[in-house]
PDB file of all heavy atoms in Angstrom:
ATOM      1  N   GLU A   1     130.274 117.539 134.254  1.00  0.00           N
ATOM      2  CA  GLU A   1     128.855 117.904 134.552  1.00  0.00           C
ATOM      3  C   GLU A   1     128.182 118.368 133.322  1.00  0.00           C
ATOM      4  O   GLU A   1     126.930 118.018 133.117  1.00  0.00           O
ATOM      5  CB  GLU A   1     128.844 119.098 135.625  1.00  0.00           C
ATOM      6  CG  GLU A   1     127.456 119.667 135.906  1.00  0.00           C
ATOM      7  CD  GLU A   1     126.543 118.668 136.588  1.00  0.00           C
ATOM      8  OE1 GLU A   1     127.067 117.691 137.136  1.00  0.00           O
ATOM      9  OE2 GLU A   1     125.394 118.893 136.597  1.00  0.00           O
ATOM     10  N   GLY A   2     128.806 119.090 132.437  1.00  0.00           N
ATOM     11  CA  GLY A   2     128.168 119.492 131.149  1.00  0.00           C
ATOM     12  C   GLY A   2     127.846 118.290 130.313  1.00  0.00           C
ATOM     13  O   GLY A   2     126.846 118.232 129.593  1.00  0.00           O
ATOM     14  N   LEU A   3     128.703 117.222 130.380  1.00  0.00           N
ATOM     15  CA  LEU A   3     128.419 116.096 129.589  1.00  0.00           C
ATOM     16  C   LEU A   3     127.183 115.304 130.131  1.00  0.00           C
ATOM     17  O   LEU A   3     126.443 114.663 129.366  1.00  0.00           O
ATOM     18  CB  LEU A   3     129.677 115.052 129.717  1.00  0.00           C
ATOM     19  CG  LEU A   3     129.647 113.792 128.890  1.00  0.00           C
ATOM     20  CD1 LEU A   3     129.435 114.048 127.375  1.00  0.00           C
ATOM     21  CD2 LEU A   3     130.909 113.016 129.076  1.00  0.00           C
ATOM     22  N   ARG A   4     126.956 115.364 131.474  1.00  0.00           N
ATOM     23  CA  ARG A   4     125.753 114.774 131.976  1.00  0.00           C
ATOM     24  C   ARG A   4     124.490 115.516 131.449  1.00  0.00           C
ATOM     25  O   ARG A   4     123.487 114.947 131.222  1.00  0.00           O
ATOM     26  CB  ARG A   4     125.761 114.890 133.534  1.00  0.00           C
ATOM     27  CG  ARG A   4     126.754 113.982 134.245  1.00  0.00           C
ATOM     28  CD  ARG A   4     126.518 113.984 135.675  1.00  0.00           C
ATOM     29  NE  ARG A   4     127.298 113.075 136.462  1.00  0.00           N
ATOM     30  CZ  ARG A   4     128.195 113.473 137.329  1.00  0.00           C
ATOM     31  NH1 ARG A   4     128.357 114.795 137.595  1.00  0.00           N
ATOM     32  NH2 ARG A   4     128.943 112.579 137.979  1.00  0.00           N
ATOM     33  N   ARG A   5     124.621 116.845 131.328  1.00  0.00           N
ATOM     34  CA  ARG A   5     123.468 117.654 130.902  1.00  0.00           C
ATOM     35  C   ARG A   5     123.117 117.513 129.449  1.00  0.00           C
ATOM     36  O   ARG A   5     121.940 117.473 128.981  1.00  0.00           O
ATOM     37  CB  ARG A   5     123.765 119.123 131.272  1.00  0.00           C
ATOM     38  CG  ARG A   5     123.767 119.459 132.743  1.00  0.00           C
ATOM     39  CD  ARG A   5     124.297 120.849 132.964  1.00  0.00           C
ATOM     40  NE  ARG A   5     124.271 121.182 134.329  1.00  0.00           N
ATOM     41  CZ  ARG A   5     123.309 121.924 134.936  1.00  0.00           C
ATOM     42  NH1 ARG A   5     122.327 122.321 134.205  1.00  0.00           N
ATOM     43  NH2 ARG A   5     123.369 122.228 136.183  1.00  0.00           N
ATOM     44  N   GLN A   6     124.132 117.501 128.601  1.00  0.00           N
ATOM     45  CA  GLN A   6     123.865 117.395 127.163  1.00  0.00           C
ATOM     46  C   GLN A   6     125.147 116.701 126.509  1.00  0.00           C
ATOM     47  O   GLN A   6     126.186 117.311 126.539  1.00  0.00           O
ATOM     48  CB  GLN A   6     123.786 118.789 126.561  1.00  0.00           C
ATOM     49  CG  GLN A   6     123.527 118.796 125.033  1.00  0.00           C
ATOM     50  CD  GLN A   6     122.264 118.062 124.632  1.00  0.00           C
ATOM     51  OE1 GLN A   6     121.200 118.390 125.102  1.00  0.00           O
ATOM     52  NE2 GLN A   6     122.472 117.104 123.788  1.00  0.00           N
ATOM     53  N   ARG A   7     124.929 115.612 125.909  1.00  0.00           N
ATOM     54  CA  ARG A   7     125.977 114.906 125.297  1.00  0.00           C
ATOM     55  C   ARG A   7     126.123 115.306 123.829  1.00  0.00           C
ATOM     56  O   ARG A   7     125.224 115.112 123.067  1.00  0.00           O
ATOM     57  CB  ARG A   7     125.731 113.364 125.342  1.00  0.00           C
ATOM     58  CG  ARG A   7     126.962 112.509 125.017  1.00  0.00           C
ATOM     59  CD  ARG A   7     126.718 111.045 125.257  1.00  0.00           C
ATOM     60  NE  ARG A   7     127.914 110.285 125.021  1.00  0.00           N
ATOM     61  CZ  ARG A   7     128.797 110.094 125.990  1.00  0.00           C
ATOM     62  NH1 ARG A   7     128.683 110.573 127.122  1.00  0.00           N
ATOM     63  NH2 ARG A   7     129.923 109.343 125.656  1.00  0.00           N
ATOM     64  N   PRO A   8     127.299 115.860 123.458  1.00  0.00           N
ATOM     65  CA  PRO A   8     127.528 116.238 122.072  1.00  0.00           C
ATOM     66  C   PRO A   8     127.458 114.985 121.189  1.00  0.00           C
ATOM     67  O   PRO A   8     127.757 113.851 121.649  1.00  0.00           O
ATOM     68  CB  PRO A   8     128.944 116.828 122.094  1.00  0.00           C
ATOM     69  CG  PRO A   8     129.152 117.242 123.483  1.00  0.00           C
ATOM     70  CD  PRO A   8     128.434 116.280 124.338  1.00  0.00           C
ATOM     71  N   SER A   9     127.101 115.150 119.932  1.00  0.00           N
ATOM     72  CA  SER A   9     126.944 114.025 119.068  1.00  0.00           C
ATOM     73  C   SER A   9     127.131 114.476 117.585  1.00  0.00           C
ATOM     74  O   SER A   9     126.767 115.541 117.217  1.00  0.00           O
ATOM     75  CB  SER A   9     125.578 113.398 119.155  1.00  0.00           C
ATOM     76  OG  SER A   9     125.414 112.292 118.289  1.00  0.00           O
ATOM     77  N   VAL A  10     127.646 113.513 116.807  1.00  0.00           N
ATOM     78  CA  VAL A  10     127.749 113.747 115.344  1.00  0.00           C
ATOM     79  C   VAL A  10     126.252 113.709 114.849  1.00  0.00           C
ATOM     80  O   VAL A  10     125.441 113.027 115.393  1.00  0.00           O
ATOM     81  CB  VAL A  10     128.607 112.692 114.607  1.00  0.00           C
ATOM     82  CG1 VAL A  10     130.030 112.790 115.101  1.00  0.00           C
ATOM     83  CG2 VAL A  10     128.070 111.309 114.844  1.00  0.00           C
ATOM     84  N   CYS A  11     126.057 114.430 113.732  1.00  0.00           N
ATOM     85  CA  CYS A  11     124.667 114.517 113.195  1.00  0.00           C
ATOM     86  C   CYS A  11     124.454 113.885 111.871  1.00  0.00           C
ATOM     87  O   CYS A  11     123.378 113.756 111.418  1.00  0.00           O
ATOM     88  CB  CYS A  11     124.275 116.009 113.162  1.00  0.00           C
ATOM     89  SG  CYS A  11     124.138 116.792 114.787  1.00  0.00           S
ATOM     90  N   ASN A  12     125.603 113.605 111.182  1.00  0.00           N
ATOM     91  CA  ASN A  12     125.484 112.855 109.961  1.00  0.00           C
ATOM     92  C   ASN A  12     126.569 111.822 109.883  1.00  0.00           C
ATOM     93  O   ASN A  12     127.596 111.905 110.626  1.00  0.00           O
ATOM     94  CB  ASN A  12     125.593 113.785 108.654  1.00  0.00           C
ATOM     95  CG  ASN A  12     126.975 114.336 108.513  1.00  0.00           C
ATOM     96  OD1 ASN A  12     127.474 115.133 109.418  1.00  0.00           O
ATOM     97  ND2 ASN A  12     127.713 114.015 107.523  1.00  0.00           N
ATOM     98  N   ARG A  13     126.339 110.766 109.120  1.00  0.00           N
ATOM     99  CA  ARG A  13     127.333 109.656 109.094  1.00  0.00           C
ATOM    100  C   ARG A  13     128.037 109.556 107.788  1.00  0.00           C
ATOM    101  O   ARG A  13     127.462 109.854 106.696  1.00  0.00           O
ATOM    102  CB  ARG A  13     126.569 108.288 109.382  1.00  0.00           C
ATOM    103  CG  ARG A  13     126.025 108.149 110.731  1.00  0.00           C
ATOM    104  CD  ARG A  13     125.541 106.783 110.929  1.00  0.00           C
ATOM    105  NE  ARG A  13     124.865 106.562 112.247  1.00  0.00           N
ATOM    106  CZ  ARG A  13     124.586 105.393 112.779  1.00  0.00           C
ATOM    107  NH1 ARG A  13     124.845 104.328 112.102  1.00  0.00           N
ATOM    108  NH2 ARG A  13     123.959 105.331 113.897  1.00  0.00           N
ATOM    109  N   LEU A  14     129.301 109.092 107.781  1.00  0.00           N
ATOM    110  CA  LEU A  14     129.983 108.678 106.681  1.00  0.00           C
ATOM    111  C   LEU A  14     130.408 107.144 106.834  1.00  0.00           C
ATOM    112  O   LEU A  14     130.611 106.774 107.956  1.00  0.00           O
ATOM    113  CB  LEU A  14     131.295 109.519 106.433  1.00  0.00           C
ATOM    114  CG  LEU A  14     131.089 111.047 106.116  1.00  0.00           C
ATOM    115  CD1 LEU A  14     132.462 111.662 105.997  1.00  0.00           C
ATOM    116  CD2 LEU A  14     130.286 111.216 104.829  1.00  0.00           C
ATOM    117  N   ASP A  15     130.480 106.504 105.783  1.00  0.00           N
ATOM    118  CA  ASP A  15     130.933 105.086 105.897  1.00  0.00           C
ATOM    119  C   ASP A  15     132.403 105.051 106.481  1.00  0.00           C
ATOM    120  O   ASP A  15     133.143 106.006 106.390  1.00  0.00           O
ATOM    121  CB  ASP A  15     131.029 104.429 104.462  1.00  0.00           C
ATOM    122  CG  ASP A  15     129.670 104.173 103.890  1.00  0.00           C
ATOM    123  OD1 ASP A  15     128.684 104.055 104.635  1.00  0.00           O
ATOM    124  OD2 ASP A  15     129.552 104.259 102.685  1.00  0.00           O
ATOM    125  N   ARG A  16     132.745 103.975 107.065  1.00  0.00           N
ATOM    126  CA  ARG A  16     134.026 103.833 107.764  1.00  0.00           C
ATOM    127  C   ARG A  16     135.202 104.260 106.843  1.00  0.00           C
ATOM    128  O   ARG A  16     136.085 104.980 107.236  1.00  0.00           O
ATOM    129  CB  ARG A  16     134.254 102.422 108.168  1.00  0.00           C
ATOM    130  CG  ARG A  16     135.590 102.104 108.862  1.00  0.00           C
ATOM    131  CD  ARG A  16     135.935 100.727 108.915  1.00  0.00           C
ATOM    132  NE  ARG A  16     135.102  99.977 109.873  1.00  0.00           N
ATOM    133  CZ  ARG A  16     135.478  99.720 111.168  1.00  0.00           C
ATOM    134  NH1 ARG A  16     136.592 100.236 111.616  1.00  0.00           N
ATOM    135  NH2 ARG A  16     134.625  99.102 111.949  1.00  0.00           N
ATOM    136  N   ASN A  17     135.135 103.842 105.540  1.00  0.00           N
ATOM    137  CA  ASN A  17     136.231 104.102 104.545  1.00  0.00           C
ATOM    138  C   ASN A  17     135.968 105.336 103.700  1.00  0.00           C
ATOM    139  O   ASN A  17     136.667 105.454 102.672  1.00  0.00           O
ATOM    140  CB  ASN A  17     136.570 102.829 103.783  1.00  0.00           C
ATOM    141  CG  ASN A  17     137.184 101.757 104.620  1.00  0.00           C
ATOM    142  OD1 ASN A  17     137.931 102.099 105.546  1.00  0.00           O
ATOM    143  ND2 ASN A  17     136.857 100.603 104.357  1.00  0.00           N
ATOM    144  N   THR A  18     135.012 106.136 104.071  1.00  0.00           N
ATOM    145  CA  THR A  18     134.870 107.471 103.423  1.00  0.00           C
ATOM    146  C   THR A  18     135.347 108.545 104.284  1.00  0.00           C
ATOM    147  O   THR A  18     135.090 108.557 105.519  1.00  0.00           O
ATOM    148  CB  THR A  18     133.296 107.733 103.116  1.00  0.00           C
ATOM    149  OG1 THR A  18     132.839 106.704 102.242  1.00  0.00           O
ATOM    150  CG2 THR A  18     133.124 109.089 102.446  1.00  0.00           C
ATOM    151  N   SER A  19     136.133 109.426 103.760  1.00  0.00           N
ATOM    152  CA  SER A  19     136.745 110.471 104.599  1.00  0.00           C
ATOM    153  C   SER A  19     135.901 111.821 104.346  1.00  0.00           C
ATOM    154  O   SER A  19     135.123 111.881 103.455  1.00  0.00           O
ATOM    155  CB  SER A  19     138.193 110.757 104.227  1.00  0.00           C
ATOM    156  OG  SER A  19     138.326 111.071 102.827  1.00  0.00           O
ATOM    157  N   GLY A  20     136.224 112.790 105.198  1.00  0.00           N
ATOM    158  CA  GLY A  20     135.577 114.105 104.962  1.00  0.00           C
ATOM    159  C   GLY A  20     134.742 114.639 106.035  1.00  0.00           C
ATOM    160  O   GLY A  20     134.772 114.208 107.230  1.00  0.00           O
ATOM    161  N   ILE A  21     133.901 115.574 105.654  1.00  0.00           N
ATOM    162  CA  ILE A  21     133.214 116.423 106.608  1.00  0.00           C
ATOM    163  C   ILE A  21     132.070 115.662 107.376  1.00  0.00           C
ATOM    164  O   ILE A  21     131.205 115.093 106.705  1.00  0.00           O
ATOM    165  CB  ILE A  21     132.628 117.704 105.957  1.00  0.00           C
ATOM    166  CG1 ILE A  21     133.725 118.565 105.395  1.00  0.00           C
ATOM    167  CG2 ILE A  21     131.751 118.507 106.932  1.00  0.00           C
ATOM    168  CD1 ILE A  21     133.255 119.751 104.587  1.00  0.00           C
ATOM    169  N   VAL A  22     132.124 115.749 108.694  1.00  0.00           N
ATOM    170  CA  VAL A  22     131.035 115.251 109.559  1.00  0.00           C
ATOM    171  C   VAL A  22     130.680 116.438 110.444  1.00  0.00           C
ATOM    172  O   VAL A  22     131.476 117.125 111.027  1.00  0.00           O
ATOM    173  CB  VAL A  22     131.543 114.099 110.395  1.00  0.00           C
ATOM    174  CG1 VAL A  22     130.404 113.664 111.332  1.00  0.00           C
ATOM    175  CG2 VAL A  22     131.848 112.882 109.496  1.00  0.00           C
ATOM    176  N   THR A  23     129.318 116.655 110.547  1.00  0.00           N
ATOM    177  CA  THR A  23     128.850 117.725 111.352  1.00  0.00           C
ATOM    178  C   THR A  23     128.491 117.144 112.746  1.00  0.00           C
ATOM    179  O   THR A  23     128.185 115.999 112.867  1.00  0.00           O
ATOM    180  CB  THR A  23     127.574 118.383 110.765  1.00  0.00           C
ATOM    181  OG1 THR A  23     126.514 117.355 110.696  1.00  0.00           O
ATOM    182  CG2 THR A  23     127.823 118.870 109.427  1.00  0.00           C
ATOM    183  N   ALA A  24     128.611 118.024 113.783  1.00  0.00           N
ATOM    184  CA  ALA A  24     128.408 117.584 115.134  1.00  0.00           C
ATOM    185  C   ALA A  24     127.808 118.716 115.934  1.00  0.00           C
ATOM    186  O   ALA A  24     128.242 119.902 115.803  1.00  0.00           O
ATOM    187  CB  ALA A  24     129.658 117.037 115.803  1.00  0.00           C
ATOM    188  N   GLY A  25     126.820 118.370 116.808  1.00  0.00           N
ATOM    189  CA  GLY A  25     126.229 119.468 117.667  1.00  0.00           C
ATOM    190  C   GLY A  25     126.851 119.331 119.122  1.00  0.00           C
ATOM    191  O   GLY A  25     126.993 118.183 119.573  1.00  0.00           O
ATOM    192  N   ILE A  26     127.296 120.451 119.678  1.00  0.00           N
ATOM    193  CA  ILE A  26     127.817 120.461 121.034  1.00  0.00           C
ATOM    194  C   ILE A  26     126.621 120.719 122.000  1.00  0.00           C
ATOM    195  O   ILE A  26     126.493 120.120 123.043  1.00  0.00           O
ATOM    196  CB  ILE A  26     128.904 121.530 121.175  1.00  0.00           C
ATOM    197  CG1 ILE A  26     130.011 121.350 120.172  1.00  0.00           C
ATOM    198  CG2 ILE A  26     129.362 121.529 122.617  1.00  0.00           C
ATOM    199  CD1 ILE A  26     130.995 122.398 120.203  1.00  0.00           C
ATOM    200  N   THR A  27     125.790 121.679 121.688  1.00  0.00           N
ATOM    201  CA  THR A  27     124.621 122.067 122.526  1.00  0.00           C
ATOM    202  C   THR A  27     123.384 121.504 121.932  1.00  0.00           C
ATOM    203  O   THR A  27     123.293 121.138 120.746  1.00  0.00           O
ATOM    204  CB  THR A  27     124.624 123.555 122.677  1.00  0.00           C
ATOM    205  OG1 THR A  27     124.328 124.128 121.401  1.00  0.00           O
ATOM    206  CG2 THR A  27     125.890 124.106 123.207  1.00  0.00           C
ATOM    207  N   LEU A  28     122.307 121.680 122.714  1.00  0.00           N
ATOM    208  CA  LEU A  28     120.988 121.311 122.191  1.00  0.00           C
ATOM    209  C   LEU A  28     120.620 122.122 120.941  1.00  0.00           C
ATOM    210  O   LEU A  28     120.066 121.663 119.944  1.00  0.00           O
ATOM    211  CB  LEU A  28     119.906 121.461 123.244  1.00  0.00           C
ATOM    212  CG  LEU A  28     118.468 121.071 122.885  1.00  0.00           C
ATOM    213  CD1 LEU A  28     118.339 119.632 122.499  1.00  0.00           C
ATOM    214  CD2 LEU A  28     117.572 121.465 124.013  1.00  0.00           C
ATOM    215  N   ARG A  29     120.936 123.458 121.037  1.00  0.00           N
ATOM    216  CA  ARG A  29     120.700 124.327 119.842  1.00  0.00           C
ATOM    217  C   ARG A  29     121.446 123.866 118.642  1.00  0.00           C
ATOM    218  O   ARG A  29     120.884 123.846 117.514  1.00  0.00           O
ATOM    219  CB  ARG A  29     121.119 125.672 120.281  1.00  0.00           C
ATOM    220  CG  ARG A  29     120.799 126.807 119.201  1.00  0.00           C
ATOM    221  CD  ARG A  29     121.407 128.162 119.586  1.00  0.00           C
ATOM    222  NE  ARG A  29     120.978 128.614 120.801  1.00  0.00           N
ATOM    223  CZ  ARG A  29     121.706 128.770 121.854  1.00  0.00           C
ATOM    224  NH1 ARG A  29     123.034 128.407 121.790  1.00  0.00           N
ATOM    225  NH2 ARG A  29     121.270 129.240 123.015  1.00  0.00           N
ATOM    226  N   GLY A  30     122.689 123.482 118.829  1.00  0.00           N
ATOM    227  CA  GLY A  30     123.439 122.989 117.662  1.00  0.00           C
ATOM    228  C   GLY A  30     122.951 121.691 117.090  1.00  0.00           C
ATOM    229  O   GLY A  30     122.807 121.474 115.884  1.00  0.00           O
ATOM    230  N   LEU A  31     122.598 120.729 117.955  1.00  0.00           N
ATOM    231  CA  LEU A  31     122.029 119.480 117.622  1.00  0.00           C
ATOM    232  C   LEU A  31     120.701 119.639 116.763  1.00  0.00           C
ATOM    233  O   LEU A  31     120.522 119.045 115.700  1.00  0.00           O
ATOM    234  CB  LEU A  31     121.849 118.531 118.752  1.00  0.00           C
ATOM    235  CG  LEU A  31     123.138 117.990 119.407  1.00  0.00           C
ATOM    236  CD1 LEU A  31     122.766 117.458 120.830  1.00  0.00           C
ATOM    237  CD2 LEU A  31     123.713 116.919 118.514  1.00  0.00           C
ATOM    238  N   GLN A  32     119.837 120.443 117.295  1.00  0.00           N
ATOM    239  CA  GLN A  32     118.477 120.709 116.622  1.00  0.00           C
ATOM    240  C   GLN A  32     118.734 121.413 115.327  1.00  0.00           C
ATOM    241  O   GLN A  32     118.046 121.024 114.369  1.00  0.00           O
ATOM    242  CB  GLN A  32     117.592 121.503 117.631  1.00  0.00           C
ATOM    243  CG  GLN A  32     117.207 120.659 118.819  1.00  0.00           C
ATOM    244  CD  GLN A  32     116.314 121.448 119.797  1.00  0.00           C
ATOM    245  OE1 GLN A  32     116.337 122.728 119.807  1.00  0.00           O
ATOM    246  NE2 GLN A  32     115.498 120.815 120.581  1.00  0.00           N
ATOM    247  N   GLY A  33     119.608 122.381 115.275  1.00  0.00           N
ATOM    248  CA  GLY A  33     119.737 123.196 114.026  1.00  0.00           C
ATOM    249  C   GLY A  33     120.360 122.319 112.935  1.00  0.00           C
ATOM    250  O   GLY A  33     119.922 122.306 111.787  1.00  0.00           O
ATOM    251  N   LEU A  34     121.393 121.544 113.290  1.00  0.00           N
ATOM    252  CA  LEU A  34     121.952 120.648 112.223  1.00  0.00           C
ATOM    253  C   LEU A  34     120.933 119.559 111.799  1.00  0.00           C
ATOM    254  O   LEU A  34     120.869 119.212 110.622  1.00  0.00           O
ATOM    255  CB  LEU A  34     123.251 119.992 112.835  1.00  0.00           C
ATOM    256  CG  LEU A  34     124.461 120.944 112.939  1.00  0.00           C
ATOM    257  CD1 LEU A  34     125.597 120.239 113.660  1.00  0.00           C
ATOM    258  CD2 LEU A  34     124.942 121.376 111.590  1.00  0.00           C
ATOM    259  N   SER A  35     120.226 118.997 112.759  1.00  0.00           N
ATOM    260  CA  SER A  35     119.289 117.974 112.369  1.00  0.00           C
ATOM    261  C   SER A  35     118.224 118.480 111.461  1.00  0.00           C
ATOM    262  O   SER A  35     117.792 117.809 110.505  1.00  0.00           O
ATOM    263  CB  SER A  35     118.568 117.414 113.679  1.00  0.00           C
ATOM    264  OG  SER A  35     119.574 116.730 114.453  1.00  0.00           O
ATOM    265  N   GLU A  36     117.837 119.755 111.687  1.00  0.00           N
ATOM    266  CA  GLU A  36     116.775 120.344 110.814  1.00  0.00           C
ATOM    267  C   GLU A  36     117.296 120.520 109.356  1.00  0.00           C
ATOM    268  O   GLU A  36     116.572 120.170 108.440  1.00  0.00           O
ATOM    269  CB  GLU A  36     116.454 121.736 111.400  1.00  0.00           C
ATOM    270  CG  GLU A  36     115.482 122.549 110.577  1.00  0.00           C
ATOM    271  CD  GLU A  36     115.314 123.983 111.084  1.00  0.00           C
ATOM    272  OE1 GLU A  36     115.700 124.231 112.214  1.00  0.00           O
ATOM    273  OE2 GLU A  36     114.771 124.812 110.321  1.00  0.00           O
TER     274      GLU A  36
END
């Protein structure tokens, strides 16, 4: 039910063959803050 309401998503991309930190928002607050 939570997935229907708000789908978590990664907020920045790395190339397929680049490793390391990717940020992701779980809630709308998290998605908007990271995007900002």
